[in-house]
């Protein structure tokens, strides 16, 4: 067969025997050169590269970009809205904070804004009290001062001995008239209409915070309609309170309301959990503890590395620190 091939080459090209042999050798070398790359890939497979390090670098760079963007968003939000959506009153500047009081006897119904400041209140709180009085509010008892939103209980304890309220005049009526010897006492009592007796409200009862409504919360000292709605809004965003320690996370809650919640509110109902392996970024973003970007990173990590099996499997995500994971634990279902 090989001789027949050489004979055909000689006849076709007019080669001599030696030239035909050389042509065959050159042809074989060319074919070998063409097939060498394919043979190399087949005989020596390419080693698989470890992409975990590259993925980690990509995630780190994404986290860095996110943190920078979050700081910029926070700065813009503060510049646009100020304290309305920014830091609470307790974080205001030093000039606005509480200072050492100059104690003197005073009537809270008449003392001026400057007088309140001398007594140790910052200007914004003195103006809050003045606004309360201008709307018709009155202080009938010393304890009424604590009804002012965020009034510091420790300062109240200092001021309480110096509060002077005007004495109420005795009510006039049949019983206060001089005794008429011609009119029997029994007849006077019989002709008088029955006066309604003031009954002291019953003390609040212990209740389940995860099923409570605004009426339950308003029974507590220091909690009005607005504060009650704020507490329920935070509870519903969480999916329910998992522990009483979360009461302190309610925005700008004062010590009086916090103390009342810790005293009467109990965590008895289970919280609403999120199935993290089927949840979307929108589902996770509903939790107050997570930002939109953090939610997106969690979903991206799940898509790259597979389903989460426990809270520990979230620890490699560097944007989630140990404290945040501890808060998220009760709300995630694996």
C-alpha atoms as a PDB file:
ATOM      1  CA  UNK A   1       0.000   0.000   0.000  1.00  0.00           C
ATOM      2  CA  UNK A   2       2.837   2.375   0.887  1.00  0.00           C
ATOM      3  CA  UNK A   3       4.658   1.562  -2.385  1.00  0.00           C
ATOM      4  CA  UNK A   4       1.475   2.217  -4.373  1.00  0.00           C
ATOM      5  CA  UNK A   5       1.141   5.651  -2.688  1.00  0.00           C
ATOM      6  CA  UNK A   6       4.738   6.546  -3.593  1.00  0.00           C
ATOM      7  CA  UNK A   7       4.193   5.398  -7.188  1.00  0.00           C
ATOM      8  CA  UNK A   8       1.139   7.642  -7.524  1.00  0.00           C
ATOM      9  CA  UNK A   9       3.054  10.613  -6.099  1.00  0.00           C
ATOM     10  CA  UNK A  10       5.913  10.004  -8.557  1.00  0.00           C
ATOM     11  CA  UNK A  11       3.505   9.767 -11.496  1.00  0.00           C
ATOM     12  CA  UNK A  12       1.484  12.832 -10.437  1.00  0.00           C
ATOM     13  CA  UNK A  13       4.354  15.185  -9.586  1.00  0.00           C
ATOM     14  CA  UNK A  14       7.092  13.632 -11.713  1.00  0.00           C
ATOM     15  CA  UNK A  15       9.276  12.992  -8.624  1.00  0.00           C
ATOM     16  CA  UNK A  16      12.169  10.573  -8.473  1.00  0.00           C
ATOM     17  CA  UNK A  17      12.105   7.780  -5.869  1.00  0.00           C
ATOM     18  CA  UNK A  18      14.228   9.819  -3.471  1.00  0.00           C
ATOM     19  CA  UNK A  19      12.103  12.960  -3.929  1.00  0.00           C
ATOM     20  CA  UNK A  20       8.905  11.007  -3.351  1.00  0.00           C
ATOM     21  CA  UNK A  21      10.296   9.565  -0.091  1.00  0.00           C
ATOM     22  CA  UNK A  22      11.276  13.065   1.078  1.00  0.00           C
ATOM     23  CA  UNK A  23       7.804  14.402   0.234  1.00  0.00           C
ATOM     24  CA  UNK A  24       6.192  11.690   2.374  1.00  0.00           C
ATOM     25  CA  UNK A  25       8.486  12.526   5.331  1.00  0.00           C
ATOM     26  CA  UNK A  26       7.691  16.251   5.098  1.00  0.00           C
ATOM     27  CA  UNK A  27       3.966  15.478   4.888  1.00  0.00           C
ATOM     28  CA  UNK A  28       4.105  13.320   8.033  1.00  0.00           C
ATOM     29  CA  UNK A  29       6.020  15.992   9.953  1.00  0.00           C
ATOM     30  CA  UNK A  30       3.399  18.610   9.005  1.00  0.00           C
ATOM     31  CA  UNK A  31       0.537  16.385  10.135  1.00  0.00           C
ATOM     32  CA  UNK A  32       2.309  15.690  13.426  1.00  0.00           C
ATOM     33  CA  UNK A  33       2.813  19.414  14.000  1.00  0.00           C
ATOM     34  CA  UNK A  34      -0.900  20.036  13.436  1.00  0.00           C
ATOM     35  CA  UNK A  35      -1.985  17.256  15.794  1.00  0.00           C
ATOM     36  CA  UNK A  36       0.509  17.978  18.586  1.00  0.00           C
ATOM     37  CA  UNK A  37      -1.684  20.548  20.505  1.00  0.00           C
ATOM     38  CA  UNK A  38      -4.680  18.212  20.481  1.00  0.00           C
ATOM     39  CA  UNK A  39      -2.577  15.242  21.558  1.00  0.00           C
ATOM     40  CA  UNK A  40      -1.028  17.312  24.358  1.00  0.00           C
ATOM     41  CA  UNK A  41      -4.428  18.350  25.752  1.00  0.00           C
ATOM     42  CA  UNK A  42      -5.658  14.760  25.537  1.00  0.00           C
ATOM     43  CA  UNK A  43      -2.618  13.144  27.139  1.00  0.00           C
ATOM     44  CA  UNK A  44      -1.959  15.872  29.760  1.00  0.00           C
ATOM     45  CA  UNK A  45      -5.270  17.342  31.072  1.00  0.00           C
ATOM     46  CA  UNK A  46      -5.212  20.949  32.256  1.00  0.00           C
ATOM     47  CA  UNK A  47      -5.204  21.225  36.101  1.00  0.00           C
ATOM     48  CA  UNK A  48      -8.360  22.772  37.578  1.00  0.00           C
ATOM     49  CA  UNK A  49      -7.797  26.190  39.096  1.00  0.00           C
ATOM     50  CA  UNK A  50      -9.037  26.986  42.592  1.00  0.00           C
ATOM     51  CA  UNK A  51     -11.453  29.908  42.189  1.00  0.00           C
ATOM     52  CA  UNK A  52     -12.311  30.278  45.875  1.00  0.00           C
ATOM     53  CA  UNK A  53      -9.503  32.786  46.433  1.00  0.00           C
ATOM     54  CA  UNK A  54     -10.611  34.812  43.418  1.00  0.00           C
ATOM     55  CA  UNK A  55     -14.212  34.751  44.650  1.00  0.00           C
ATOM     56  CA  UNK A  56     -13.077  35.915  48.099  1.00  0.00           C
ATOM     57  CA  UNK A  57     -11.165  38.807  46.545  1.00  0.00           C
ATOM     58  CA  UNK A  58     -14.211  39.800  44.509  1.00  0.00           C
ATOM     59  CA  UNK A  59     -16.441  39.715  47.595  1.00  0.00           C
ATOM     60  CA  UNK A  60     -13.922  41.750  49.595  1.00  0.00           C
ATOM     61  CA  UNK A  61     -13.771  44.399  46.910  1.00  0.00           C
ATOM     62  CA  UNK A  62     -17.577  44.468  46.708  1.00  0.00           C
ATOM     63  CA  UNK A  63     -17.828  44.845  50.510  1.00  0.00           C
ATOM     64  CA  UNK A  64     -15.359  47.730  50.418  1.00  0.00           C
ATOM     65  CA  UNK A  65     -17.352  49.486  47.696  1.00  0.00           C
ATOM     66  CA  UNK A  66     -20.594  48.939  49.625  1.00  0.00           C
ATOM     67  CA  UNK A  67     -19.237  50.365  52.860  1.00  0.00           C
ATOM     68  CA  UNK A  68     -17.991  53.446  51.056  1.00  0.00           C
ATOM     69  CA  UNK A  69     -21.388  53.888  49.388  1.00  0.00           C
ATOM     70  CA  UNK A  70     -23.255  53.403  52.688  1.00  0.00           C
ATOM     71  CA  UNK A  71     -21.161  56.099  54.353  1.00  0.00           C
ATOM     72  CA  UNK A  72     -21.898  58.446  51.461  1.00  0.00           C
ATOM     73  CA  UNK A  73     -25.639  57.657  51.644  1.00  0.00           C
ATOM     74  CA  UNK A  74     -25.658  58.263  55.395  1.00  0.00           C
ATOM     75  CA  UNK A  75     -23.898  61.607  54.992  1.00  0.00           C
ATOM     76  CA  UNK A  76     -26.371  62.675  52.304  1.00  0.00           C
ATOM     77  CA  UNK A  77     -29.349  61.572  54.422  1.00  0.00           C
ATOM     78  CA  UNK A  78     -28.116  63.545  57.426  1.00  0.00           C
ATOM     79  CA  UNK A  79     -27.486  66.634  55.303  1.00  0.00           C
ATOM     80  CA  UNK A  80     -31.000  66.450  53.808  1.00  0.00           C
ATOM     81  CA  UNK A  81     -33.069  65.500  56.844  1.00  0.00           C
ATOM     82  CA  UNK A  82     -30.951  66.415  59.863  1.00  0.00           C
ATOM     83  CA  UNK A  83     -32.136  65.058  63.214  1.00  0.00           C
ATOM     84  CA  UNK A  84     -35.538  64.070  61.889  1.00  0.00           C
ATOM     85  CA  UNK A  85     -34.093  60.844  60.509  1.00  0.00           C
ATOM     86  CA  UNK A  86     -30.602  61.146  61.928  1.00  0.00           C
ATOM     87  CA  UNK A  87     -29.185  60.990  65.425  1.00  0.00           C
ATOM     88  CA  UNK A  88     -31.633  61.152  68.333  1.00  0.00           C
ATOM     89  CA  UNK A  89     -31.815  63.936  70.881  1.00  0.00           C
ATOM     90  CA  UNK A  90     -29.471  62.160  73.239  1.00  0.00           C
ATOM     91  CA  UNK A  91     -26.676  62.493  70.626  1.00  0.00           C
ATOM     92  CA  UNK A  92     -26.932  66.248  70.132  1.00  0.00           C
ATOM     93  CA  UNK A  93     -24.013  68.584  70.644  1.00  0.00           C
ATOM     94  CA  UNK A  94     -22.545  69.232  74.066  1.00  0.00           C
ATOM     95  CA  UNK A  95     -24.006  72.739  74.227  1.00  0.00           C
ATOM     96  CA  UNK A  96     -27.515  71.269  74.003  1.00  0.00           C
ATOM     97  CA  UNK A  97     -26.969  68.528  76.574  1.00  0.00           C
ATOM     98  CA  UNK A  98     -27.974  68.460  80.214  1.00  0.00           C
ATOM     99  CA  UNK A  99     -25.822  70.534  82.538  1.00  0.00           C
ATOM    100  CA  UNK A 100     -25.501  70.890  86.287  1.00  0.00           C
ATOM    101  CA  UNK A 101     -28.834  72.238  87.605  1.00  0.00           C
ATOM    102  CA  UNK A 102     -29.220  75.336  89.771  1.00  0.00           C
ATOM    103  CA  UNK A 103     -31.993  74.212  92.078  1.00  0.00           C
ATOM    104  CA  UNK A 104     -34.716  76.562  93.284  1.00  0.00           C
ATOM    105  CA  UNK A 105     -38.406  76.255  94.086  1.00  0.00           C
ATOM    106  CA  UNK A 106     -40.588  76.551  90.992  1.00  0.00           C
ATOM    107  CA  UNK A 107     -44.066  76.006  89.612  1.00  0.00           C
ATOM    108  CA  UNK A 108     -43.809  73.898  86.411  1.00  0.00           C
ATOM    109  CA  UNK A 109     -46.938  75.620  85.082  1.00  0.00           C
ATOM    110  CA  UNK A 110     -45.314  79.070  85.081  1.00  0.00           C
ATOM    111  CA  UNK A 111     -41.525  78.673  84.964  1.00  0.00           C
ATOM    112  CA  UNK A 112     -39.954  80.129  81.806  1.00  0.00           C
ATOM    113  CA  UNK A 113     -37.770  78.410  79.221  1.00  0.00           C
ATOM    114  CA  UNK A 114     -34.719  80.113  80.730  1.00  0.00           C
ATOM    115  CA  UNK A 115     -35.800  78.868  84.151  1.00  0.00           C
ATOM    116  CA  UNK A 116     -36.014  75.297  82.910  1.00  0.00           C
ATOM    117  CA  UNK A 117     -32.513  75.619  81.496  1.00  0.00           C
ATOM    118  CA  UNK A 118     -31.232  76.818  84.868  1.00  0.00           C
ATOM    119  CA  UNK A 119     -32.855  73.747  86.410  1.00  0.00           C
ATOM    120  CA  UNK A 120     -30.763  71.522  84.166  1.00  0.00           C
ATOM    121  CA  UNK A 121     -32.910  70.917  81.082  1.00  0.00           C
ATOM    122  CA  UNK A 122     -31.523  71.511  77.579  1.00  0.00           C
ATOM    123  CA  UNK A 123     -33.192  74.178  75.497  1.00  0.00           C
ATOM    124  CA  UNK A 124     -35.016  71.770  73.165  1.00  0.00           C
ATOM    125  CA  UNK A 125     -36.718  70.033  76.105  1.00  0.00           C
ATOM    126  CA  UNK A 126     -37.612  73.336  77.792  1.00  0.00           C
ATOM    127  CA  UNK A 127     -39.260  74.411  74.531  1.00  0.00           C
ATOM    128  CA  UNK A 128     -41.098  71.074  74.428  1.00  0.00           C
ATOM    129  CA  UNK A 129     -42.584  71.759  77.878  1.00  0.00           C
ATOM    130  CA  UNK A 130     -43.502  75.321  76.896  1.00  0.00           C
ATOM    131  CA  UNK A 131     -45.272  74.023  73.786  1.00  0.00           C
ATOM    132  CA  UNK A 132     -47.157  71.507  75.943  1.00  0.00           C
ATOM    133  CA  UNK A 133     -48.391  74.313  78.226  1.00  0.00           C
ATOM    134  CA  UNK A 134     -49.369  76.584  75.335  1.00  0.00           C
ATOM    135  CA  UNK A 135     -51.586  73.799  74.000  1.00  0.00           C
ATOM    136  CA  UNK A 136     -53.451  73.724  77.307  1.00  0.00           C
ATOM    137  CA  UNK A 137     -51.425  71.127  79.177  1.00  0.00           C
ATOM    138  CA  UNK A 138     -51.129  71.504  82.943  1.00  0.00           C
ATOM    139  CA  UNK A 139     -49.101  69.899  85.689  1.00  0.00           C
ATOM    140  CA  UNK A 140     -51.470  68.950  88.509  1.00  0.00           C
ATOM    141  CA  UNK A 141     -49.114  66.552  90.242  1.00  0.00           C
ATOM    142  CA  UNK A 142     -45.358  66.420  90.481  1.00  0.00           C
ATOM    143  CA  UNK A 143     -45.321  63.084  88.656  1.00  0.00           C
ATOM    144  CA  UNK A 144     -46.893  64.740  85.606  1.00  0.00           C
ATOM    145  CA  UNK A 145     -43.432  65.967  84.617  1.00  0.00           C
ATOM    146  CA  UNK A 146     -42.568  62.412  83.623  1.00  0.00           C
ATOM    147  CA  UNK A 147     -45.345  62.520  81.015  1.00  0.00           C
ATOM    148  CA  UNK A 148     -43.171  64.887  78.990  1.00  0.00           C
ATOM    149  CA  UNK A 149     -41.516  62.828  76.288  1.00  0.00           C
ATOM    150  CA  UNK A 150     -37.957  61.804  77.234  1.00  0.00           C
ATOM    151  CA  UNK A 151     -37.944  63.753  80.522  1.00  0.00           C
ATOM    152  CA  UNK A 152     -34.962  62.257  82.417  1.00  0.00           C
ATOM    153  CA  UNK A 153     -36.088  60.371  85.552  1.00  0.00           C
ATOM    154  CA  UNK A 154     -32.800  61.034  87.362  1.00  0.00           C
ATOM    155  CA  UNK A 155     -33.252  64.799  86.914  1.00  0.00           C
ATOM    156  CA  UNK A 156     -36.861  64.476  88.077  1.00  0.00           C
ATOM    157  CA  UNK A 157     -35.642  62.932  91.331  1.00  0.00           C
ATOM    158  CA  UNK A 158     -33.457  66.003  91.879  1.00  0.00           C
ATOM    159  CA  UNK A 159     -36.209  68.491  91.033  1.00  0.00           C
ATOM    160  CA  UNK A 160     -39.116  66.768  92.807  1.00  0.00           C
ATOM    161  CA  UNK A 161     -38.500  68.341  96.273  1.00  0.00           C
ATOM    162  CA  UNK A 162     -38.438  71.815  94.663  1.00  0.00           C
ATOM    163  CA  UNK A 163     -41.703  71.518  92.704  1.00  0.00           C
ATOM    164  CA  UNK A 164     -44.391  73.796  94.142  1.00  0.00           C
ATOM    165  CA  UNK A 165     -47.892  73.384  92.782  1.00  0.00           C
ATOM    166  CA  UNK A 166     -50.735  75.765  93.734  1.00  0.00           C
ATOM    167  CA  UNK A 167     -53.127  74.366  96.291  1.00  0.00           C
ATOM    168  CA  UNK A 168     -56.534  73.522  94.893  1.00  0.00           C
ATOM    169  CA  UNK A 169     -59.413  75.441  96.401  1.00  0.00           C
ATOM    170  CA  UNK A 170     -61.922  73.313  98.273  1.00  0.00           C
ATOM    171  CA  UNK A 171     -65.053  72.636  96.218  1.00  0.00           C
ATOM    172  CA  UNK A 172     -68.162  74.557  97.201  1.00  0.00           C
ATOM    173  CA  UNK A 173     -71.399  72.666  97.694  1.00  0.00           C
ATOM    174  CA  UNK A 174     -74.143  71.913 100.183  1.00  0.00           C
ATOM    175  CA  UNK A 175     -71.763  70.174 102.560  1.00  0.00           C
ATOM    176  CA  UNK A 176     -69.497  73.230 102.754  1.00  0.00           C
ATOM    177  CA  UNK A 177     -72.242  75.643 103.827  1.00  0.00           C
ATOM    178  CA  UNK A 178     -72.511  76.614 107.494  1.00  0.00           C
ATOM    179  CA  UNK A 179     -74.632  74.250 109.492  1.00  0.00           C
ATOM    180  CA  UNK A 180     -78.263  75.328 109.516  1.00  0.00           C
ATOM    181  CA  UNK A 181     -79.907  74.162 112.720  1.00  0.00           C
ATOM    182  CA  UNK A 182     -83.328  74.316 111.027  1.00  0.00           C
ATOM    183  CA  UNK A 183     -82.205  71.912 108.293  1.00  0.00           C
ATOM    184  CA  UNK A 184     -81.476  68.333 109.279  1.00  0.00           C
ATOM    185  CA  UNK A 185     -78.198  66.921 108.062  1.00  0.00           C
ATOM    186  CA  UNK A 186     -79.932  63.836 106.766  1.00  0.00           C
ATOM    187  CA  UNK A 187     -82.181  65.957 104.558  1.00  0.00           C
ATOM    188  CA  UNK A 188     -79.205  67.758 103.094  1.00  0.00           C
ATOM    189  CA  UNK A 189     -77.518  64.482 102.308  1.00  0.00           C
ATOM    190  CA  UNK A 190     -80.684  63.051 100.818  1.00  0.00           C
ATOM    191  CA  UNK A 191     -81.200  66.011  98.473  1.00  0.00           C
ATOM    192  CA  UNK A 192     -77.604  66.048  97.218  1.00  0.00           C
ATOM    193  CA  UNK A 193     -76.889  64.309  93.906  1.00  0.00           C
ATOM    194  CA  UNK A 194     -74.467  61.426  94.160  1.00  0.00           C
ATOM    195  CA  UNK A 195     -70.985  62.563  93.227  1.00  0.00           C
ATOM    196  CA  UNK A 196     -68.950  60.324  90.964  1.00  0.00           C
ATOM    197  CA  UNK A 197     -66.051  58.833  92.847  1.00  0.00           C
ATOM    198  CA  UNK A 198     -62.642  58.893  91.229  1.00  0.00           C
ATOM    199  CA  UNK A 199     -61.304  55.395  90.930  1.00  0.00           C
ATOM    200  CA  UNK A 200     -57.607  54.829  90.546  1.00  0.00           C
ATOM    201  CA  UNK A 201     -56.942  52.856  87.357  1.00  0.00           C
ATOM    202  CA  UNK A 202     -55.895  49.281  87.855  1.00  0.00           C
ATOM    203  CA  UNK A 203     -52.174  48.614  87.435  1.00  0.00           C
ATOM    204  CA  UNK A 204     -51.125  47.213  84.036  1.00  0.00           C
ATOM    205  CA  UNK A 205     -51.132  43.465  83.584  1.00  0.00           C
ATOM    206  CA  UNK A 206     -48.371  41.361  82.055  1.00  0.00           C
ATOM    207  CA  UNK A 207     -49.027  40.816  78.316  1.00  0.00           C
ATOM    208  CA  UNK A 208     -47.487  39.187  75.247  1.00  0.00           C
ATOM    209  CA  UNK A 209     -45.660  41.891  73.284  1.00  0.00           C
ATOM    210  CA  UNK A 210     -45.943  39.917  70.021  1.00  0.00           C
ATOM    211  CA  UNK A 211     -49.761  39.943  70.116  1.00  0.00           C
ATOM    212  CA  UNK A 212     -50.320  43.300  71.858  1.00  0.00           C
ATOM    213  CA  UNK A 213     -52.078  46.275  70.279  1.00  0.00           C
ATOM    214  CA  UNK A 214     -51.789  50.003  70.914  1.00  0.00           C
ATOM    215  CA  UNK A 215     -54.361  49.879  73.717  1.00  0.00           C
ATOM    216  CA  UNK A 216     -52.221  47.403  75.657  1.00  0.00           C
ATOM    217  CA  UNK A 217     -49.136  49.570  75.244  1.00  0.00           C
ATOM    218  CA  UNK A 218     -50.849  52.857  76.134  1.00  0.00           C
ATOM    219  CA  UNK A 219     -51.636  51.481  79.588  1.00  0.00           C
ATOM    220  CA  UNK A 220     -47.928  51.695  80.376  1.00  0.00           C
ATOM    221  CA  UNK A 221     -46.365  54.795  81.833  1.00  0.00           C
ATOM    222  CA  UNK A 222     -44.549  56.984  79.305  1.00  0.00           C
ATOM    223  CA  UNK A 223     -46.192  55.393  76.234  1.00  0.00           C
ATOM    224  CA  UNK A 224     -48.742  57.365  74.235  1.00  0.00           C
ATOM    225  CA  UNK A 225     -50.393  56.697  70.887  1.00  0.00           C
ATOM    226  CA  UNK A 226     -47.376  57.737  68.805  1.00  0.00           C
ATOM    227  CA  UNK A 227     -44.887  55.718  70.823  1.00  0.00           C
ATOM    228  CA  UNK A 228     -47.219  52.680  70.801  1.00  0.00           C
ATOM    229  CA  UNK A 229     -47.462  52.800  66.992  1.00  0.00           C
ATOM    230  CA  UNK A 230     -43.678  53.087  66.747  1.00  0.00           C
ATOM    231  CA  UNK A 231     -43.174  50.012  68.941  1.00  0.00           C
ATOM    232  CA  UNK A 232     -45.638  47.948  66.900  1.00  0.00           C
ATOM    233  CA  UNK A 233     -44.078  49.092  63.619  1.00  0.00           C
ATOM    234  CA  UNK A 234     -40.645  47.925  64.787  1.00  0.00           C
ATOM    235  CA  UNK A 235     -42.126  44.632  66.038  1.00  0.00           C
ATOM    236  CA  UNK A 236     -43.887  43.924  62.742  1.00  0.00           C
ATOM    237  CA  UNK A 237     -40.756  44.756  60.741  1.00  0.00           C
ATOM    238  CA  UNK A 238     -38.798  42.246  62.814  1.00  0.00           C
ATOM    239  CA  UNK A 239     -41.470  39.596  62.587  1.00  0.00           C
ATOM    240  CA  UNK A 240     -41.877  39.682  66.364  1.00  0.00           C
ATOM    241  CA  UNK A 241     -39.571  40.247  69.314  1.00  0.00           C
ATOM    242  CA  UNK A 242     -37.270  37.320  70.051  1.00  0.00           C
ATOM    243  CA  UNK A 243     -36.062  38.621  73.435  1.00  0.00           C
ATOM    244  CA  UNK A 244     -36.794  41.527  75.821  1.00  0.00           C
ATOM    245  CA  UNK A 245     -33.299  42.919  75.129  1.00  0.00           C
ATOM    246  CA  UNK A 246     -34.604  44.108  71.749  1.00  0.00           C
ATOM    247  CA  UNK A 247     -36.831  46.696  73.463  1.00  0.00           C
ATOM    248  CA  UNK A 248     -33.752  48.900  73.863  1.00  0.00           C
ATOM    249  CA  UNK A 249     -33.335  48.918  70.043  1.00  0.00           C
ATOM    250  CA  UNK A 250     -36.568  50.890  69.543  1.00  0.00           C
ATOM    251  CA  UNK A 251     -35.493  54.245  68.141  1.00  0.00           C
ATOM    252  CA  UNK A 252     -35.141  57.017  70.729  1.00  0.00           C
ATOM    253  CA  UNK A 253     -37.050  55.160  73.455  1.00  0.00           C
ATOM    254  CA  UNK A 254     -36.728  56.847  76.839  1.00  0.00           C
ATOM    255  CA  UNK A 255     -35.852  55.131  80.091  1.00  0.00           C
ATOM    256  CA  UNK A 256     -39.386  55.360  81.541  1.00  0.00           C
ATOM    257  CA  UNK A 257     -41.056  53.585  78.599  1.00  0.00           C
ATOM    258  CA  UNK A 258     -38.225  51.051  78.412  1.00  0.00           C
ATOM    259  CA  UNK A 259     -38.562  50.256  82.114  1.00  0.00           C
ATOM    260  CA  UNK A 260     -42.321  49.758  81.740  1.00  0.00           C
ATOM    261  CA  UNK A 261     -41.859  47.418  78.764  1.00  0.00           C
ATOM    262  CA  UNK A 262     -39.281  45.356  80.615  1.00  0.00           C
ATOM    263  CA  UNK A 263     -41.643  45.130  83.576  1.00  0.00           C
ATOM    264  CA  UNK A 264     -44.900  44.155  81.857  1.00  0.00           C
ATOM    265  CA  UNK A 265     -44.126  42.965  78.303  1.00  0.00           C
ATOM    266  CA  UNK A 266     -43.257  39.303  77.792  1.00  0.00           C
ATOM    267  CA  UNK A 267     -42.039  37.423  74.716  1.00  0.00           C
ATOM    268  CA  UNK A 268     -44.432  34.478  74.543  1.00  0.00           C
ATOM    269  CA  UNK A 269     -45.319  34.035  70.856  1.00  0.00           C
ATOM    270  CA  UNK A 270     -42.881  32.722  68.261  1.00  0.00           C
ATOM    271  CA  UNK A 271     -41.317  35.074  65.724  1.00  0.00           C
ATOM    272  CA  UNK A 272     -41.901  34.930  61.958  1.00  0.00           C
ATOM    273  CA  UNK A 273     -38.914  33.261  60.263  1.00  0.00           C
ATOM    274  CA  UNK A 274     -37.486  33.703  56.768  1.00  0.00           C
ATOM    275  CA  UNK A 275     -36.431  30.655  54.729  1.00  0.00           C
ATOM    276  CA  UNK A 276     -33.007  31.876  53.795  1.00  0.00           C
ATOM    277  CA  UNK A 277     -32.372  29.277  51.071  1.00  0.00           C
ATOM    278  CA  UNK A 278     -35.430  30.350  49.086  1.00  0.00           C
ATOM    279  CA  UNK A 279     -35.686  34.000  50.113  1.00  0.00           C
ATOM    280  CA  UNK A 280     -34.985  36.882  47.759  1.00  0.00           C
ATOM    281  CA  UNK A 281     -33.011  40.027  48.526  1.00  0.00           C
ATOM    282  CA  UNK A 282     -36.337  41.836  49.005  1.00  0.00           C
ATOM    283  CA  UNK A 283     -37.386  39.309  51.665  1.00  0.00           C
ATOM    284  CA  UNK A 284     -34.158  39.750  53.636  1.00  0.00           C
ATOM    285  CA  UNK A 285     -34.235  43.521  53.251  1.00  0.00           C
ATOM    286  CA  UNK A 286     -37.426  43.656  55.325  1.00  0.00           C
ATOM    287  CA  UNK A 287     -35.413  42.850  58.447  1.00  0.00           C
ATOM    288  CA  UNK A 288     -34.324  46.079  60.195  1.00  0.00           C
ATOM    289  CA  UNK A 289     -30.918  44.519  60.867  1.00  0.00           C
ATOM    290  CA  UNK A 290     -29.988  44.156  57.168  1.00  0.00           C
ATOM    291  CA  UNK A 291     -29.440  46.788  54.507  1.00  0.00           C
ATOM    292  CA  UNK A 292     -30.363  46.238  50.878  1.00  0.00           C
ATOM    293  CA  UNK A 293     -26.722  45.719  49.888  1.00  0.00           C
ATOM    294  CA  UNK A 294     -26.107  43.198  52.668  1.00  0.00           C
ATOM    295  CA  UNK A 295     -29.177  41.252  51.526  1.00  0.00           C
ATOM    296  CA  UNK A 296     -27.887  41.188  47.943  1.00  0.00           C
ATOM    297  CA  UNK A 297     -24.465  39.930  49.069  1.00  0.00           C
ATOM    298  CA  UNK A 298     -26.072  37.084  51.050  1.00  0.00           C
ATOM    299  CA  UNK A 299     -28.066  36.005  47.986  1.00  0.00           C
ATOM    300  CA  UNK A 300     -24.971  36.256  45.733  1.00  0.00           C
ATOM    301  CA  UNK A 301     -22.948  34.140  48.172  1.00  0.00           C
ATOM    302  CA  UNK A 302     -25.700  31.507  48.267  1.00  0.00           C
ATOM    303  CA  UNK A 303     -25.784  31.334  44.465  1.00  0.00           C
ATOM    304  CA  UNK A 304     -21.996  30.852  44.315  1.00  0.00           C
ATOM    305  CA  UNK A 305     -21.526  28.400  47.205  1.00  0.00           C
ATOM    306  CA  UNK A 306     -24.845  26.599  47.526  1.00  0.00           C
ATOM    307  CA  UNK A 307     -27.524  26.457  50.190  1.00  0.00           C
ATOM    308  CA  UNK A 308     -26.873  27.544  53.766  1.00  0.00           C
ATOM    309  CA  UNK A 309     -27.041  24.727  56.305  1.00  0.00           C
ATOM    310  CA  UNK A 310     -26.780  26.676  59.572  1.00  0.00           C
ATOM    311  CA  UNK A 311     -25.939  30.074  60.977  1.00  0.00           C
ATOM    312  CA  UNK A 312     -22.266  29.076  60.903  1.00  0.00           C
ATOM    313  CA  UNK A 313     -22.354  28.805  57.110  1.00  0.00           C
ATOM    314  CA  UNK A 314     -22.994  32.564  56.984  1.00  0.00           C
ATOM    315  CA  UNK A 315     -19.805  33.444  58.868  1.00  0.00           C
ATOM    316  CA  UNK A 316     -17.527  33.491  55.758  1.00  0.00           C
ATOM    317  CA  UNK A 317     -19.523  36.516  54.523  1.00  0.00           C
ATOM    318  CA  UNK A 318     -17.255  39.188  55.934  1.00  0.00           C
ATOM    319  CA  UNK A 319     -19.803  41.963  55.911  1.00  0.00           C
ATOM    320  CA  UNK A 320     -21.774  40.050  58.584  1.00  0.00           C
ATOM    321  CA  UNK A 321     -20.025  40.315  61.941  1.00  0.00           C
ATOM    322  CA  UNK A 322     -20.649  38.028  64.922  1.00  0.00           C
ATOM    323  CA  UNK A 323     -22.996  40.471  66.655  1.00  0.00           C
ATOM    324  CA  UNK A 324     -25.170  40.870  63.559  1.00  0.00           C
ATOM    325  CA  UNK A 325     -25.346  37.102  63.040  1.00  0.00           C
ATOM    326  CA  UNK A 326     -26.473  36.673  66.640  1.00  0.00           C
ATOM    327  CA  UNK A 327     -29.342  39.097  65.999  1.00  0.00           C
ATOM    328  CA  UNK A 328     -30.294  37.395  62.725  1.00  0.00           C
ATOM    329  CA  UNK A 329     -30.279  33.848  64.140  1.00  0.00           C
ATOM    330  CA  UNK A 330     -33.824  33.747  65.563  1.00  0.00           C
ATOM    331  CA  UNK A 331     -35.297  35.037  62.283  1.00  0.00           C
ATOM    332  CA  UNK A 332     -33.676  32.613  59.810  1.00  0.00           C
ATOM    333  CA  UNK A 333     -34.884  29.129  58.899  1.00  0.00           C
ATOM    334  CA  UNK A 334     -32.453  26.741  57.210  1.00  0.00           C
END
